[in-house]
Amino acid sequence: YGLGTISGRPGLYLASRVDDGNTPLGVAVLKVELD
């Protein structure tokens, strides 16, 4: 939970790693503002 770097609005960031077999490729992120 934190402030957005661009928007400056608080929210909860939920992230999951994207793998190709056993090789990490990156991260998929969702920000939800709890308004």
PDB file of all heavy atoms in Angstrom:
ATOM      1  N   TYR A   1       0.858  -1.173   0.000  1.00  0.00           N
ATOM      2  CA  TYR A   1       0.000   0.000   0.000  1.00  0.00           C
ATOM      3  C   TYR A   1       0.902   1.232   0.000  1.00  0.00           C
ATOM      4  O   TYR A   1       1.868   1.309   0.751  1.00  0.00           O
ATOM      5  CB  TYR A   1      -0.901   0.008   1.233  1.00  0.00           C
ATOM      6  CG  TYR A   1      -1.986   1.072   1.190  1.00  0.00           C
ATOM      7  CD1 TYR A   1      -3.254   0.765   0.716  1.00  0.00           C
ATOM      8  CD2 TYR A   1      -1.729   2.363   1.620  1.00  0.00           C
ATOM      9  CE1 TYR A   1      -4.245   1.733   0.661  1.00  0.00           C
ATOM     10  CE2 TYR A   1      -2.709   3.332   1.569  1.00  0.00           C
ATOM     11  CZ  TYR A   1      -3.973   3.021   1.098  1.00  0.00           C
ATOM     12  OH  TYR A   1      -4.936   3.972   1.043  1.00  0.00           O
ATOM     13  N   GLY A   2       0.598   2.191  -0.872  1.00  0.00           N
ATOM     14  CA  GLY A   2       1.422   3.389  -0.927  1.00  0.00           C
ATOM     15  C   GLY A   2       0.873   4.381  -1.912  1.00  0.00           C
ATOM     16  O   GLY A   2      -0.155   4.164  -2.584  1.00  0.00           O
ATOM     17  N   LEU A   3       1.566   5.519  -2.027  1.00  0.00           N
ATOM     18  CA  LEU A   3       1.181   6.558  -2.970  1.00  0.00           C
ATOM     19  C   LEU A   3       1.677   6.193  -4.359  1.00  0.00           C
ATOM     20  O   LEU A   3       2.762   5.646  -4.529  1.00  0.00           O
ATOM     21  CB  LEU A   3       1.778   7.904  -2.554  1.00  0.00           C
ATOM     22  CG  LEU A   3       1.127   8.637  -1.373  1.00  0.00           C
ATOM     23  CD1 LEU A   3       1.829   9.944  -1.137  1.00  0.00           C
ATOM     24  CD2 LEU A   3      -0.352   8.864  -1.609  1.00  0.00           C
ATOM     25  N   GLY A   4       0.871   6.541  -5.369  1.00  0.00           N
ATOM     26  CA  GLY A   4       1.272   6.312  -6.740  1.00  0.00           C
ATOM     27  C   GLY A   4       2.389   7.248  -7.146  1.00  0.00           C
ATOM     28  O   GLY A   4       2.384   8.438  -6.818  1.00  0.00           O
ATOM     29  N   THR A   5       3.371   6.720  -7.880  1.00  0.00           N
ATOM     30  CA  THR A   5       4.495   7.541  -8.334  1.00  0.00           C
ATOM     31  C   THR A   5       4.032   8.635  -9.289  1.00  0.00           C
ATOM     32  O   THR A   5       4.516   9.771  -9.238  1.00  0.00           O
ATOM     33  CB  THR A   5       5.535   6.644  -9.027  1.00  0.00           C
ATOM     34  OG1 THR A   5       5.893   5.585  -8.153  1.00  0.00           O
ATOM     35  CG2 THR A   5       6.778   7.437  -9.378  1.00  0.00           C
ATOM     36  N   ILE A   6       3.104   8.323 -10.165  1.00  0.00           N
ATOM     37  CA  ILE A   6       2.623   9.279 -11.169  1.00  0.00           C
ATOM     38  C   ILE A   6       1.394  10.016 -10.670  1.00  0.00           C
ATOM     39  O   ILE A   6       1.329  11.248 -10.710  1.00  0.00           O
ATOM     40  CB  ILE A   6       2.310   8.554 -12.491  1.00  0.00           C
ATOM     41  CG1 ILE A   6       3.550   7.767 -12.967  1.00  0.00           C
ATOM     42  CG2 ILE A   6       1.872   9.554 -13.544  1.00  0.00           C
ATOM     43  CD1 ILE A   6       4.759   8.626 -13.229  1.00  0.00           C
ATOM     44  N   SER A   7       0.384   9.255 -10.185  1.00  0.00           N
ATOM     45  CA  SER A   7      -0.893   9.866  -9.811  1.00  0.00           C
ATOM     46  C   SER A   7      -0.842  10.573  -8.465  1.00  0.00           C
ATOM     47  O   SER A   7      -1.595  11.512  -8.219  1.00  0.00           O
ATOM     48  CB  SER A   7      -1.987   8.791  -9.785  1.00  0.00           C
ATOM     49  OG  SER A   7      -1.737   7.868  -8.752  1.00  0.00           O
ATOM     50  N   GLY A   8       0.046  10.143  -7.573  1.00  0.00           N
ATOM     51  CA  GLY A   8       0.077  10.706  -6.229  1.00  0.00           C
ATOM     52  C   GLY A   8      -1.103  10.291  -5.376  1.00  0.00           C
ATOM     53  O   GLY A   8      -1.315  10.819  -4.292  1.00  0.00           O
ATOM     54  N   ARG A   9      -1.906   9.288  -5.836  1.00  0.00           N
ATOM     55  CA  ARG A   9      -3.065   8.823  -5.089  1.00  0.00           C
ATOM     56  C   ARG A   9      -2.727   7.515  -4.381  1.00  0.00           C
ATOM     57  O   ARG A   9      -2.030   6.660  -4.945  1.00  0.00           O
ATOM     58  CB  ARG A   9      -4.264   8.607  -6.021  1.00  0.00           C
ATOM     59  CG  ARG A   9      -4.822   9.901  -6.594  1.00  0.00           C
ATOM     60  CD  ARG A   9      -5.967   9.624  -7.561  1.00  0.00           C
ATOM     61  NE  ARG A   9      -7.021   8.854  -6.926  1.00  0.00           N
ATOM     62  CZ  ARG A   9      -7.972   9.371  -6.148  1.00  0.00           C
ATOM     63  NH1 ARG A   9      -7.991  10.673  -5.917  1.00  0.00           N
ATOM     64  NH2 ARG A   9      -8.906   8.601  -5.618  1.00  0.00           N
ATOM     65  N   PRO A  10      -3.213   7.334  -3.151  1.00  0.00           N
ATOM     66  CA  PRO A  10      -2.907   6.093  -2.432  1.00  0.00           C
ATOM     67  C   PRO A  10      -3.696   4.918  -2.995  1.00  0.00           C
ATOM     68  O   PRO A  10      -4.801   5.081  -3.516  1.00  0.00           O
ATOM     69  CB  PRO A  10      -3.326   6.411  -0.998  1.00  0.00           C
ATOM     70  CG  PRO A  10      -4.417   7.417  -1.148  1.00  0.00           C
ATOM     71  CD  PRO A  10      -4.045   8.262  -2.330  1.00  0.00           C
ATOM     72  N   GLY A  11      -3.131   3.752  -2.869  1.00  0.00           N
ATOM     73  CA  GLY A  11      -3.811   2.547  -3.325  1.00  0.00           C
ATOM     74  C   GLY A  11      -3.018   1.318  -2.944  1.00  0.00           C
ATOM     75  O   GLY A  11      -1.877   1.383  -2.486  1.00  0.00           O
ATOM     76  N   LEU A  12      -3.634   0.172  -3.151  1.00  0.00           N
ATOM     77  CA  LEU A  12      -3.017  -1.130  -2.858  1.00  0.00           C
ATOM     78  C   LEU A  12      -2.520  -1.731  -4.154  1.00  0.00           C
ATOM     79  O   LEU A  12      -3.276  -1.864  -5.114  1.00  0.00           O
ATOM     80  CB  LEU A  12      -4.025  -2.069  -2.195  1.00  0.00           C
ATOM     81  CG  LEU A  12      -3.518  -3.474  -1.869  1.00  0.00           C
ATOM     82  CD1 LEU A  12      -2.380  -3.424  -0.854  1.00  0.00           C
ATOM     83  CD2 LEU A  12      -4.657  -4.346  -1.355  1.00  0.00           C
ATOM     84  N   TYR A  13      -1.233  -2.096  -4.181  1.00  0.00           N
ATOM     85  CA  TYR A  13      -0.620  -2.698  -5.357  1.00  0.00           C
ATOM     86  C   TYR A  13      -0.527  -4.205  -5.128  1.00  0.00           C
ATOM     87  O   TYR A  13       0.040  -4.663  -4.131  1.00  0.00           O
ATOM     88  CB  TYR A  13       0.772  -2.125  -5.595  1.00  0.00           C
ATOM     89  CG  TYR A  13       0.775  -0.643  -5.916  1.00  0.00           C
ATOM     90  CD1 TYR A  13       0.779   0.305  -4.895  1.00  0.00           C
ATOM     91  CD2 TYR A  13       0.750  -0.189  -7.224  1.00  0.00           C
ATOM     92  CE1 TYR A  13       0.771   1.662  -5.178  1.00  0.00           C
ATOM     93  CE2 TYR A  13       0.747   1.158  -7.517  1.00  0.00           C
ATOM     94  CZ  TYR A  13       0.755   2.091  -6.492  1.00  0.00           C
ATOM     95  OH  TYR A  13       0.745   3.422  -6.778  1.00  0.00           O
ATOM     96  N   LEU A  14      -1.075  -4.976  -6.077  1.00  0.00           N
ATOM     97  CA  LEU A  14      -1.048  -6.433  -6.028  1.00  0.00           C
ATOM     98  C   LEU A  14      -0.227  -6.921  -7.213  1.00  0.00           C
ATOM     99  O   LEU A  14      -0.546  -6.597  -8.362  1.00  0.00           O
ATOM    100  CB  LEU A  14      -2.464  -7.017  -6.082  1.00  0.00           C
ATOM    101  CG  LEU A  14      -3.407  -6.527  -4.976  1.00  0.00           C
ATOM    102  CD1 LEU A  14      -4.829  -6.985  -5.257  1.00  0.00           C
ATOM    103  CD2 LEU A  14      -2.952  -7.017  -3.620  1.00  0.00           C
ATOM    104  N   ALA A  15       0.826  -7.702  -6.956  1.00  0.00           N
ATOM    105  CA  ALA A  15       1.767  -8.084  -8.009  1.00  0.00           C
ATOM    106  C   ALA A  15       1.940  -9.593  -8.024  1.00  0.00           C
ATOM    107  O   ALA A  15       1.952 -10.240  -6.979  1.00  0.00           O
ATOM    108  CB  ALA A  15       3.120  -7.403  -7.798  1.00  0.00           C
ATOM    109  N   SER A  16       2.080 -10.149  -9.240  1.00  0.00           N
ATOM    110  CA  SER A  16       2.374 -11.573  -9.439  1.00  0.00           C
ATOM    111  C   SER A  16       3.483 -11.698 -10.475  1.00  0.00           C
ATOM    112  O   SER A  16       3.474 -11.009 -11.506  1.00  0.00           O
ATOM    113  CB  SER A  16       1.136 -12.345  -9.911  1.00  0.00           C
ATOM    114  OG  SER A  16       0.176 -12.408  -8.902  1.00  0.00           O
ATOM    115  N   ARG A  17       4.431 -12.576 -10.189  1.00  0.00           N
ATOM    116  CA  ARG A  17       5.551 -12.777 -11.110  1.00  0.00           C
ATOM    117  C   ARG A  17       5.112 -13.575 -12.334  1.00  0.00           C
ATOM    118  O   ARG A  17       4.335 -14.527 -12.231  1.00  0.00           O
ATOM    119  CB  ARG A  17       6.677 -13.515 -10.384  1.00  0.00           C
ATOM    120  CG  ARG A  17       7.975 -13.631 -11.216  1.00  0.00           C
ATOM    121  CD  ARG A  17       9.045 -14.336 -10.414  1.00  0.00           C
ATOM    122  NE  ARG A  17       8.683 -15.704 -10.110  1.00  0.00           N
ATOM    123  CZ  ARG A  17       9.118 -16.373  -9.059  1.00  0.00           C
ATOM    124  NH1 ARG A  17       9.951 -15.798  -8.214  1.00  0.00           N
ATOM    125  NH2 ARG A  17       8.728 -17.610  -8.842  1.00  0.00           N
ATOM    126  N   VAL A  18       5.617 -13.198 -13.507  1.00  0.00           N
ATOM    127  CA  VAL A  18       5.354 -13.902 -14.766  1.00  0.00           C
ATOM    128  C   VAL A  18       6.580 -14.764 -15.061  1.00  0.00           C
ATOM    129  O   VAL A  18       7.701 -14.250 -15.155  1.00  0.00           O
ATOM    130  CB  VAL A  18       5.089 -12.909 -15.913  1.00  0.00           C
ATOM    131  CG1 VAL A  18       4.763 -13.669 -17.195  1.00  0.00           C
ATOM    132  CG2 VAL A  18       3.947 -11.962 -15.548  1.00  0.00           C
ATOM    133  N   ASP A  19       6.353 -16.075 -15.180  1.00  0.00           N
ATOM    134  CA  ASP A  19       7.457 -17.014 -15.415  1.00  0.00           C
ATOM    135  C   ASP A  19       7.305 -17.685 -16.762  1.00  0.00           C
ATOM    136  O   ASP A  19       6.196 -17.901 -17.258  1.00  0.00           O
ATOM    137  CB  ASP A  19       7.490 -18.094 -14.314  1.00  0.00           C
ATOM    138  CG  ASP A  19       7.838 -17.515 -12.957  1.00  0.00           C
ATOM    139  OD1 ASP A  19       8.611 -16.554 -12.921  1.00  0.00           O
ATOM    140  OD2 ASP A  19       7.320 -18.036 -11.955  1.00  0.00           O
ATOM    141  N   ASP A  20       8.449 -18.016 -17.351  1.00  0.00           N
ATOM    142  CA  ASP A  20       8.493 -18.851 -18.550  1.00  0.00           C
ATOM    143  C   ASP A  20       9.197 -20.139 -18.140  1.00  0.00           C
ATOM    144  O   ASP A  20      10.414 -20.226 -18.182  1.00  0.00           O
ATOM    145  CB  ASP A  20       9.232 -18.127 -19.671  1.00  0.00           C
ATOM    146  CG  ASP A  20       9.214 -18.930 -20.970  1.00  0.00           C
ATOM    147  OD1 ASP A  20       8.517 -19.975 -21.001  1.00  0.00           O
ATOM    148  OD2 ASP A  20       9.878 -18.531 -21.942  1.00  0.00           O
ATOM    149  N   GLY A  21       8.396 -21.125 -17.712  1.00  0.00           N
ATOM    150  CA  GLY A  21       8.990 -22.304 -17.102  1.00  0.00           C
ATOM    151  C   GLY A  21       9.582 -21.922 -15.763  1.00  0.00           C
ATOM    152  O   GLY A  21       8.890 -21.465 -14.860  1.00  0.00           O
ATOM    153  N   ASN A  22      10.903 -22.073 -15.613  1.00  0.00           N
ATOM    154  CA  ASN A  22      11.578 -21.686 -14.373  1.00  0.00           C
ATOM    155  C   ASN A  22      12.284 -20.338 -14.502  1.00  0.00           C
ATOM    156  O   ASN A  22      13.047 -19.945 -13.626  1.00  0.00           O
ATOM    157  CB  ASN A  22      12.593 -22.755 -13.977  1.00  0.00           C
ATOM    158  CG  ASN A  22      11.930 -24.061 -13.611  1.00  0.00           C
ATOM    159  OD1 ASN A  22      10.839 -24.063 -13.053  1.00  0.00           O
ATOM    160  ND2 ASN A  22      12.576 -25.172 -13.928  1.00  0.00           N
ATOM    161  N   THR A  23      12.027 -19.622 -15.617  1.00  0.00           N
ATOM    162  CA  THR A  23      12.715 -18.350 -15.866  1.00  0.00           C
ATOM    163  C   THR A  23      11.770 -17.190 -15.612  1.00  0.00           C
ATOM    164  O   THR A  23      10.735 -17.071 -16.276  1.00  0.00           O
ATOM    165  CB  THR A  23      13.220 -18.299 -17.311  1.00  0.00           C
ATOM    166  OG1 THR A  23      14.075 -19.421 -17.546  1.00  0.00           O
ATOM    167  CG2 THR A  23      13.997 -17.009 -17.550  1.00  0.00           C
ATOM    168  N   PRO A  24      12.067 -16.290 -14.657  1.00  0.00           N
ATOM    169  CA  PRO A  24      11.221 -15.112 -14.443  1.00  0.00           C
ATOM    170  C   PRO A  24      11.331 -14.165 -15.623  1.00  0.00           C
ATOM    171  O   PRO A  24      12.430 -13.894 -16.133  1.00  0.00           O
ATOM    172  CB  PRO A  24      11.794 -14.497 -13.161  1.00  0.00           C
ATOM    173  CG  PRO A  24      12.622 -15.564 -12.529  1.00  0.00           C
ATOM    174  CD  PRO A  24      13.137 -16.388 -13.657  1.00  0.00           C
ATOM    175  N   LEU A  25      10.183 -13.654 -16.083  1.00  0.00           N
ATOM    176  CA  LEU A  25      10.146 -12.700 -17.182  1.00  0.00           C
ATOM    177  C   LEU A  25       9.838 -11.288 -16.706  1.00  0.00           C
ATOM    178  O   LEU A  25      10.228 -10.321 -17.351  1.00  0.00           O
ATOM    179  CB  LEU A  25       9.093 -13.125 -18.219  1.00  0.00           C
ATOM    180  CG  LEU A  25       9.323 -14.471 -18.914  1.00  0.00           C
ATOM    181  CD1 LEU A  25       8.178 -14.773 -19.859  1.00  0.00           C
ATOM    182  CD2 LEU A  25      10.637 -14.446 -19.684  1.00  0.00           C
ATOM    183  N   GLY A  26       9.103 -11.157 -15.630  1.00  0.00           N
ATOM    184  CA  GLY A  26       8.693  -9.836 -15.161  1.00  0.00           C
ATOM    185  C   GLY A  26       7.586  -9.962 -14.138  1.00  0.00           C
ATOM    186  O   GLY A  26       7.397 -11.008 -13.516  1.00  0.00           O
ATOM    187  N   VAL A  27       6.796  -8.893 -13.996  1.00  0.00           N
ATOM    188  CA  VAL A  27       5.754  -8.830 -12.968  1.00  0.00           C
ATOM    189  C   VAL A  27       4.509  -8.177 -13.559  1.00  0.00           C
ATOM    190  O   VAL A  27       4.610  -7.181 -14.292  1.00  0.00           O
ATOM    191  CB  VAL A  27       6.227  -8.022 -11.740  1.00  0.00           C
ATOM    192  CG1 VAL A  27       5.100  -7.849 -10.739  1.00  0.00           C
ATOM    193  CG2 VAL A  27       7.400  -8.717 -11.075  1.00  0.00           C
ATOM    194  N   ALA A  28       3.326  -8.757 -13.269  1.00  0.00           N
ATOM    195  CA  ALA A  28       2.032  -8.150 -13.602  1.00  0.00           C
ATOM    196  C   ALA A  28       1.489  -7.484 -12.342  1.00  0.00           C
ATOM    197  O   ALA A  28       1.443  -8.097 -11.281  1.00  0.00           O
ATOM    198  CB  ALA A  28       1.062  -9.201 -14.120  1.00  0.00           C
ATOM    199  N   VAL A  29       1.096  -6.211 -12.459  1.00  0.00           N
ATOM    200  CA  VAL A  29       0.712  -5.411 -11.291  1.00  0.00           C
ATOM    201  C   VAL A  29      -0.678  -4.822 -11.505  1.00  0.00           C
ATOM    202  O   VAL A  29      -1.009  -4.379 -12.610  1.00  0.00           O
ATOM    203  CB  VAL A  29       1.717  -4.269 -11.038  1.00  0.00           C
ATOM    204  CG1 VAL A  29       1.375  -3.535  -9.740  1.00  0.00           C
ATOM    205  CG2 VAL A  29       3.137  -4.803 -10.978  1.00  0.00           C
ATOM    206  N   LEU A  30      -1.478  -4.847 -10.443  1.00  0.00           N
ATOM    207  CA  LEU A  30      -2.780  -4.181 -10.430  1.00  0.00           C
ATOM    208  C   LEU A  30      -2.821  -3.232  -9.241  1.00  0.00           C
ATOM    209  O   LEU A  30      -2.442  -3.603  -8.130  1.00  0.00           O
ATOM    210  CB  LEU A  30      -3.923  -5.194 -10.341  1.00  0.00           C
ATOM    211  CG  LEU A  30      -5.335  -4.608 -10.259  1.00  0.00           C
ATOM    212  CD1 LEU A  30      -6.320  -5.471 -11.040  1.00  0.00           C
ATOM    213  CD2 LEU A  30      -5.821  -4.471  -8.818  1.00  0.00           C
ATOM    214  N   LYS A  31      -3.244  -1.987  -9.508  1.00  0.00           N
ATOM    215  CA  LYS A  31      -3.430  -1.017  -8.429  1.00  0.00           C
ATOM    216  C   LYS A  31      -4.925  -0.811  -8.226  1.00  0.00           C
ATOM    217  O   LYS A  31      -5.655  -0.522  -9.176  1.00  0.00           O
ATOM    218  CB  LYS A  31      -2.771   0.313  -8.774  1.00  0.00           C
ATOM    219  CG  LYS A  31      -3.007   1.378  -7.693  1.00  0.00           C
ATOM    220  CD  LYS A  31      -2.438   2.733  -8.097  1.00  0.00           C
ATOM    221  CE  LYS A  31      -2.710   3.778  -7.017  1.00  0.00           C
ATOM    222  NZ  LYS A  31      -2.239   5.119  -7.418  1.00  0.00           N
ATOM    223  N   VAL A  32      -5.365  -0.979  -6.988  1.00  0.00           N
ATOM    224  CA  VAL A  32      -6.765  -0.743  -6.658  1.00  0.00           C
ATOM    225  C   VAL A  32      -6.823   0.350  -5.598  1.00  0.00           C
ATOM    226  O   VAL A  32      -6.157   0.286  -4.574  1.00  0.00           O
ATOM    227  CB  VAL A  32      -7.463  -2.043  -6.169  1.00  0.00           C
ATOM    228  CG1 VAL A  32      -6.713  -2.661  -5.014  1.00  0.00           C
ATOM    229  CG2 VAL A  32      -8.905  -1.754  -5.760  1.00  0.00           C
ATOM    230  N   GLU A  33      -7.592   1.396  -5.901  1.00  0.00           N
ATOM    231  CA  GLU A  33      -7.836   2.451  -4.919  1.00  0.00           C
ATOM    232  C   GLU A  33      -9.100   2.101  -4.155  1.00  0.00           C
ATOM    233  O   GLU A  33     -10.124   1.762  -4.756  1.00  0.00           O
ATOM    234  CB  GLU A  33      -7.980   3.799  -5.620  1.00  0.00           C
ATOM    235  CG  GLU A  33      -6.713   4.224  -6.337  1.00  0.00           C
ATOM    236  CD  GLU A  33      -6.860   5.543  -7.086  1.00  0.00           C
ATOM    237  OE1 GLU A  33      -7.956   6.141  -7.031  1.00  0.00           O
ATOM    238  OE2 GLU A  33      -5.882   5.962  -7.726  1.00  0.00           O
ATOM    239  N   LEU A  34      -9.037   2.152  -2.867  1.00  0.00           N
ATOM    240  CA  LEU A  34     -10.097   1.647  -1.998  1.00  0.00           C
ATOM    241  C   LEU A  34     -11.155   2.704  -1.694  1.00  0.00           C
ATOM    242  O   LEU A  34     -11.761   2.697  -0.616  1.00  0.00           O
ATOM    243  CB  LEU A  34      -9.482   1.102  -0.702  1.00  0.00           C
ATOM    244  CG  LEU A  34      -8.436   0.003  -0.900  1.00  0.00           C
ATOM    245  CD1 LEU A  34      -7.816  -0.392   0.428  1.00  0.00           C
ATOM    246  CD2 LEU A  34      -9.049  -1.212  -1.586  1.00  0.00           C
ATOM    247  N   ASP A  35     -11.399   3.626  -2.654  1.00  0.00           N
ATOM    248  CA  ASP A  35     -12.396   4.681  -2.432  1.00  0.00           C
ATOM    249  C   ASP A  35     -13.783   4.099  -2.213  1.00  0.00           C
ATOM    250  O   ASP A  35     -14.540   4.558  -1.347  1.00  0.00           O
ATOM    251  CB  ASP A  35     -12.425   5.643  -3.625  1.00  0.00           C
ATOM    252  CG  ASP A  35     -11.107   6.386  -3.779  1.00  0.00           C
ATOM    253  OD1 ASP A  35     -10.318   6.377  -2.809  1.00  0.00           O
ATOM    254  OD2 ASP A  35     -10.858   6.956  -4.852  1.00  0.00           O
TER     255      ASP A  35
END
